[in-house]
Amino acid sequence: MPTFSVSILTRNIILCFLTVPPKIIVAPEPKSGPVAMNARFSCEASGVSDPLIRWIHNGREVTETGRYTLQNNNDLIIATKPEDDGIVQCVAENEAGVQTANTKLTVRNCE
């Protein structure tokens, strides 16, 4: 639901700001594959102001490190290891709220 905030700068100027909570419009899809694959997850959200996208993998917030790559388009790429098997979560957040979408990453050992 949209929310409005009003700021009165002077007697003659009133600014109104409309904020709309994030809505995930492209949710990450499940991935399955062998160890050492590059698993790519996509997430897109709408809202006012533009939502910030962040990622959580197995309960930990993802930061860009050697095996994790965060793309400019908000995609997450994981160069997988066996311990990566689990839940990947997209979090879209702005001043008006938060929405999340979860998916599964399944990593198989090659034998």
Protein backbone atom coordinates (compact mmCIF):
# COMPACT_ATOMS: atom_id res chain seq x y z
CA MET A 1 0.00 0.00 0.00
CA PRO A 2 1.45 3.44 -0.91
CA THR A 3 2.33 5.80 1.89
CA PHE A 4 2.63 9.54 1.83
CA SER A 5 4.89 11.78 3.83
CA VAL A 6 4.57 15.53 3.96
CA SER A 7 7.32 17.99 4.75
CA ILE A 8 6.60 21.65 5.31
CA LEU A 9 9.64 23.71 4.40
CA THR A 10 8.06 27.14 4.88
CA ARG A 11 4.55 28.48 5.11
CA ASN A 12 4.31 28.54 1.32
CA ILE A 13 6.08 25.32 0.30
CA ILE A 14 4.80 21.83 1.08
CA LEU A 15 6.50 18.75 -0.35
CA CYS A 16 4.67 15.45 -0.57
CA PHE A 17 6.50 12.17 -1.09
CA LEU A 18 4.83 8.99 -2.27
CA THR A 19 6.48 5.71 -1.33
CA VAL A 20 5.40 2.30 -2.58
CA PRO A 21 6.69 -0.91 -0.96
CA PRO A 22 8.82 -3.24 -3.07
CA LYS A 23 7.18 -5.91 -5.17
CA ILE A 24 9.38 -8.66 -6.59
CA ILE A 25 8.53 -8.98 -10.29
CA VAL A 26 11.27 -11.48 -11.24
CA ALA A 27 11.96 -14.04 -8.52
CA PRO A 28 15.06 -16.25 -8.41
CA GLU A 29 14.55 -19.74 -9.81
CA PRO A 30 15.87 -23.02 -8.36
CA LYS A 31 19.25 -24.22 -9.63
CA SER A 32 20.74 -27.69 -9.58
CA GLY A 33 24.11 -28.89 -10.80
CA PRO A 34 27.56 -30.20 -10.01
CA VAL A 35 30.26 -28.73 -7.81
CA ALA A 36 32.15 -25.86 -9.50
CA MET A 37 29.21 -24.75 -11.63
CA ASN A 38 28.38 -21.05 -11.86
CA ALA A 39 24.85 -20.77 -10.48
CA ARG A 40 23.19 -17.50 -11.57
CA PHE A 41 20.19 -16.09 -9.72
CA SER A 42 18.13 -13.13 -10.93
CA CYS A 43 15.83 -10.87 -8.96
CA GLU A 44 13.99 -7.71 -10.01
CA ALA A 45 11.67 -5.54 -7.95
CA SER A 46 9.54 -2.46 -8.45
CA GLY A 47 8.64 0.21 -5.90
CA VAL A 48 8.97 3.90 -5.10
CA SER A 49 11.71 4.71 -4.30
CA ASP A 50 13.64 2.07 -6.24
CA PRO A 51 14.18 -0.97 -4.02
CA LEU A 52 17.68 -2.04 -3.04
CA ILE A 53 18.30 -5.73 -3.82
CA ARG A 54 20.47 -7.80 -1.52
CA TRP A 55 21.05 -11.54 -1.27
CA ILE A 56 21.13 -14.04 1.60
CA HIS A 57 22.60 -17.51 1.13
CA ASN A 58 22.00 -20.16 3.82
CA GLY A 59 21.19 -17.46 6.37
CA ARG A 60 24.18 -15.21 5.68
CA GLU A 61 24.14 -11.94 3.78
CA VAL A 62 26.16 -12.23 0.57
CA THR A 63 29.08 -9.91 0.00
CA GLU A 64 31.19 -9.96 -3.12
CA THR A 65 34.05 -12.35 -2.45
CA GLY A 66 36.00 -14.82 -4.55
CA ARG A 67 33.11 -17.25 -5.12
CA TYR A 68 30.26 -14.72 -5.02
CA THR A 69 29.79 -12.15 -7.78
CA LEU A 70 27.15 -9.42 -7.57
CA GLN A 71 26.31 -8.09 -11.05
CA ASN A 72 25.24 -4.51 -11.83
CA ASN A 73 21.80 -5.86 -12.82
CA ASN A 74 21.45 -7.38 -9.29
CA ASP A 75 22.15 -10.94 -10.45
CA LEU A 76 24.06 -13.17 -8.04
CA ILE A 77 26.57 -15.72 -9.34
CA ILE A 78 27.90 -18.44 -7.04
CA ALA A 79 30.87 -20.62 -8.02
CA THR A 80 29.55 -23.62 -6.12
CA LYS A 81 31.04 -25.92 -3.51
CA PRO A 82 29.24 -28.82 -1.78
CA GLU A 83 28.44 -26.65 1.27
CA ASP A 84 26.50 -24.19 -0.93
CA ASP A 85 23.56 -26.58 -1.12
CA GLY A 86 20.63 -24.77 0.51
CA ILE A 87 18.46 -21.66 0.35
CA VAL A 88 19.12 -18.50 -1.66
CA GLN A 89 16.99 -15.48 -0.78
CA CYS A 90 16.45 -12.22 -2.65
CA VAL A 91 15.55 -9.27 -0.40
CA ALA A 92 14.05 -6.12 -1.97
CA GLU A 93 13.87 -3.15 0.40
CA ASN A 94 13.02 0.54 0.36
CA GLU A 95 11.66 3.11 2.82
CA ALA A 96 8.13 1.70 2.49
CA GLY A 97 8.87 -1.95 3.20
CA VAL A 98 10.57 -5.26 2.41
CA GLN A 99 9.68 -8.23 0.22
CA THR A 100 11.60 -11.49 -0.05
CA ALA A 101 11.69 -14.43 -2.45
CA ASN A 102 13.37 -17.76 -1.67
CA THR A 103 14.68 -20.50 -3.91
CA LYS A 104 16.75 -23.68 -3.64
CA LEU A 105 20.33 -24.32 -4.74
CA THR A 106 21.15 -28.02 -5.06
CA VAL A 107 24.84 -28.91 -5.50
CA ARG A 108 25.68 -32.48 -6.47
CA ASN A 109 29.05 -34.14 -5.96
CA CYS A 110 30.38 -35.64 -9.17
CA GLU A 111 31.31 -39.25 -8.62
